[in-house]
Amino acid sequence: MSTKPKSATKPLPLPDLLQDLAVLRLSGNDIAQLFKSTNDQGVGDPPTPVDEIVSASSEFVQVSRAAIRLHDSGQVGSQGARIEEVRSKYEVLLEGLQN
């Protein structure tokens, strides 16, 4: 293990980062073009199986994150308690109507 405190380490040394950016600029490559998504194909092009898998995976991640946020917010428990309260009131009402 390292004995250096965490504040002493630099995850991205500035001189190296500046040098890398200078090399990219001089190479004539458009950075935005390098990171362009494969989903930006032509409008009429049919999606490849890889595109479909990536799309399904992305949708799954979004839905999973939404479910986790909902669970962590505590709203599920409070809504469940409200539903249980309403259900018990309807059961009392039903018993009163049957008698």
C-alpha atoms as a PDB file:
ATOM      1  CA  MET A   1       0.000   0.000   0.000  1.00  0.00           C
ATOM      2  CA  SER A   2       1.067   3.548  -0.602  1.00  0.00           C
ATOM      3  CA  THR A   3       1.965   5.709   2.367  1.00  0.00           C
ATOM      4  CA  LYS A   4       1.209   8.971   0.554  1.00  0.00           C
ATOM      5  CA  PRO A   5      -1.935  10.827   1.582  1.00  0.00           C
ATOM      6  CA  LYS A   6      -4.681  10.827  -1.031  1.00  0.00           C
ATOM      7  CA  SER A   7      -4.484  14.592  -1.464  1.00  0.00           C
ATOM      8  CA  ALA A   8      -0.887  14.281  -2.725  1.00  0.00           C
ATOM      9  CA  THR A   9      -1.820  12.213  -5.780  1.00  0.00           C
ATOM     10  CA  LYS A  10      -2.967  13.918  -8.958  1.00  0.00           C
ATOM     11  CA  PRO A  11      -5.279  11.781 -11.115  1.00  0.00           C
ATOM     12  CA  LEU A  12      -4.691  13.930 -14.237  1.00  0.00           C
ATOM     13  CA  PRO A  13      -1.335  15.684 -14.291  1.00  0.00           C
ATOM     14  CA  LEU A  14      -1.855  19.025 -16.018  1.00  0.00           C
ATOM     15  CA  PRO A  15       1.311  19.024 -18.180  1.00  0.00           C
ATOM     16  CA  ASP A  16       0.489  15.594 -19.613  1.00  0.00           C
ATOM     17  CA  LEU A  17      -3.124  16.578 -20.223  1.00  0.00           C
ATOM     18  CA  LEU A  18      -2.108  19.783 -22.008  1.00  0.00           C
ATOM     19  CA  GLN A  19       0.389  17.875 -24.136  1.00  0.00           C
ATOM     20  CA  ASP A  20      -2.262  15.324 -25.127  1.00  0.00           C
ATOM     21  CA  LEU A  21      -4.703  18.076 -26.068  1.00  0.00           C
ATOM     22  CA  ALA A  22      -2.016  19.804 -28.149  1.00  0.00           C
ATOM     23  CA  VAL A  23      -1.270  16.569 -30.001  1.00  0.00           C
ATOM     24  CA  LEU A  24      -4.975  16.081 -30.724  1.00  0.00           C
ATOM     25  CA  ARG A  25      -5.306  19.626 -32.017  1.00  0.00           C
ATOM     26  CA  LEU A  26      -2.245  19.318 -34.267  1.00  0.00           C
ATOM     27  CA  SER A  27      -3.361  15.950 -35.644  1.00  0.00           C
ATOM     28  CA  GLY A  28      -6.301  17.613 -37.388  1.00  0.00           C
ATOM     29  CA  ASN A  29      -8.826  15.172 -35.938  1.00  0.00           C
ATOM     30  CA  ASP A  30     -12.185  16.527 -34.906  1.00  0.00           C
ATOM     31  CA  ILE A  31     -12.713  15.369 -31.303  1.00  0.00           C
ATOM     32  CA  ALA A  32     -16.487  15.463 -31.672  1.00  0.00           C
ATOM     33  CA  GLN A  33     -16.184  13.211 -34.735  1.00  0.00           C
ATOM     34  CA  LEU A  34     -14.075  10.733 -32.752  1.00  0.00           C
ATOM     35  CA  PHE A  35     -16.785  10.342 -30.126  1.00  0.00           C
ATOM     36  CA  LYS A  36     -19.691  10.353 -32.564  1.00  0.00           C
ATOM     37  CA  SER A  37     -22.187   7.645 -31.730  1.00  0.00           C
ATOM     38  CA  THR A  38     -22.765   4.750 -34.080  1.00  0.00           C
ATOM     39  CA  ASN A  39     -26.492   5.529 -33.792  1.00  0.00           C
ATOM     40  CA  ASP A  40     -25.919   8.574 -36.004  1.00  0.00           C
ATOM     41  CA  GLN A  41     -26.046   6.439 -39.112  1.00  0.00           C
ATOM     42  CA  GLY A  42     -28.222   7.374 -42.021  1.00  0.00           C
ATOM     43  CA  VAL A  43     -31.926   7.769 -41.327  1.00  0.00           C
ATOM     44  CA  GLY A  44     -32.912   4.915 -43.623  1.00  0.00           C
ATOM     45  CA  ASP A  45     -30.211   2.486 -42.482  1.00  0.00           C
ATOM     46  CA  PRO A  46     -31.595  -0.535 -40.616  1.00  0.00           C
ATOM     47  CA  PRO A  47     -30.142  -0.927 -37.130  1.00  0.00           C
ATOM     48  CA  THR A  48     -27.546  -3.634 -36.712  1.00  0.00           C
ATOM     49  CA  PRO A  49     -27.916  -6.319 -34.027  1.00  0.00           C
ATOM     50  CA  VAL A  50     -25.210  -4.561 -32.015  1.00  0.00           C
ATOM     51  CA  ASP A  51     -27.179  -1.285 -32.158  1.00  0.00           C
ATOM     52  CA  GLU A  52     -30.288  -3.099 -30.935  1.00  0.00           C
ATOM     53  CA  ILE A  53     -28.400  -4.716 -28.047  1.00  0.00           C
ATOM     54  CA  VAL A  54     -26.827  -1.398 -27.039  1.00  0.00           C
ATOM     55  CA  SER A  55     -30.217   0.321 -27.215  1.00  0.00           C
ATOM     56  CA  ALA A  56     -31.881  -2.375 -25.093  1.00  0.00           C
ATOM     57  CA  SER A  57     -29.023  -2.249 -22.589  1.00  0.00           C
ATOM     58  CA  SER A  58     -29.233   1.533 -22.362  1.00  0.00           C
ATOM     59  CA  GLU A  59     -32.988   1.382 -21.804  1.00  0.00           C
ATOM     60  CA  PHE A  60     -32.513  -1.252 -19.087  1.00  0.00           C
ATOM     61  CA  VAL A  61     -29.935   0.918 -17.315  1.00  0.00           C
ATOM     62  CA  GLN A  62     -32.238   3.964 -17.417  1.00  0.00           C
ATOM     63  CA  VAL A  63     -35.216   2.021 -16.045  1.00  0.00           C
ATOM     64  CA  SER A  64     -33.047   0.383 -13.363  1.00  0.00           C
ATOM     65  CA  ARG A  65     -31.656   3.729 -12.234  1.00  0.00           C
ATOM     66  CA  ALA A  66     -35.169   5.195 -12.071  1.00  0.00           C
ATOM     67  CA  ALA A  67     -36.342   2.243  -9.968  1.00  0.00           C
ATOM     68  CA  ILE A  68     -33.373   2.576  -7.618  1.00  0.00           C
ATOM     69  CA  ARG A  69     -33.967   6.324  -7.231  1.00  0.00           C
ATOM     70  CA  LEU A  70     -37.640   5.657  -6.486  1.00  0.00           C
ATOM     71  CA  HIS A  71     -36.748   2.994  -3.930  1.00  0.00           C
ATOM     72  CA  ASP A  72     -34.116   5.165  -2.260  1.00  0.00           C
ATOM     73  CA  SER A  73     -36.467   8.150  -2.044  1.00  0.00           C
ATOM     74  CA  GLY A  74     -38.799   6.250   0.313  1.00  0.00           C
ATOM     75  CA  GLN A  75     -41.872   6.998  -1.787  1.00  0.00           C
ATOM     76  CA  VAL A  76     -42.553   3.317  -2.357  1.00  0.00           C
ATOM     77  CA  GLY A  77     -43.026   2.661   1.341  1.00  0.00           C
ATOM     78  CA  SER A  78     -45.225   5.683   1.909  1.00  0.00           C
ATOM     79  CA  GLN A  79     -47.404   4.889  -1.123  1.00  0.00           C
ATOM     80  CA  GLY A  80     -47.670   1.279   0.034  1.00  0.00           C
ATOM     81  CA  ALA A  81     -48.866   2.443   3.434  1.00  0.00           C
ATOM     82  CA  ARG A  82     -51.490   4.690   1.816  1.00  0.00           C
ATOM     83  CA  ILE A  83     -52.706   1.833  -0.390  1.00  0.00           C
ATOM     84  CA  GLU A  84     -52.970  -0.474   2.611  1.00  0.00           C
ATOM     85  CA  GLU A  85     -54.945   2.178   4.518  1.00  0.00           C
ATOM     86  CA  VAL A  86     -57.406   2.656   1.643  1.00  0.00           C
ATOM     87  CA  ARG A  87     -57.754  -1.113   1.199  1.00  0.00           C
ATOM     88  CA  SER A  88     -58.615  -1.593   4.861  1.00  0.00           C
ATOM     89  CA  LYS A  89     -61.223   1.196   4.664  1.00  0.00           C
ATOM     90  CA  TYR A  90     -62.835  -0.508   1.665  1.00  0.00           C
ATOM     91  CA  GLU A  91     -62.889  -3.828   3.519  1.00  0.00           C
ATOM     92  CA  VAL A  92     -64.702  -2.166   6.437  1.00  0.00           C
ATOM     93  CA  LEU A  93     -67.138  -0.560   3.986  1.00  0.00           C
ATOM     94  CA  LEU A  94     -67.733  -3.913   2.245  1.00  0.00           C
ATOM     95  CA  GLU A  95     -68.404  -5.644   5.569  1.00  0.00           C
ATOM     96  CA  GLY A  96     -70.878  -2.891   6.462  1.00  0.00           C
ATOM     97  CA  LEU A  97     -72.699  -3.314   3.150  1.00  0.00           C
ATOM     98  CA  GLN A  98     -72.899  -7.091   3.508  1.00  0.00           C
ATOM     99  CA  ASN A  99     -74.391  -6.879   7.019  1.00  0.00           C
END
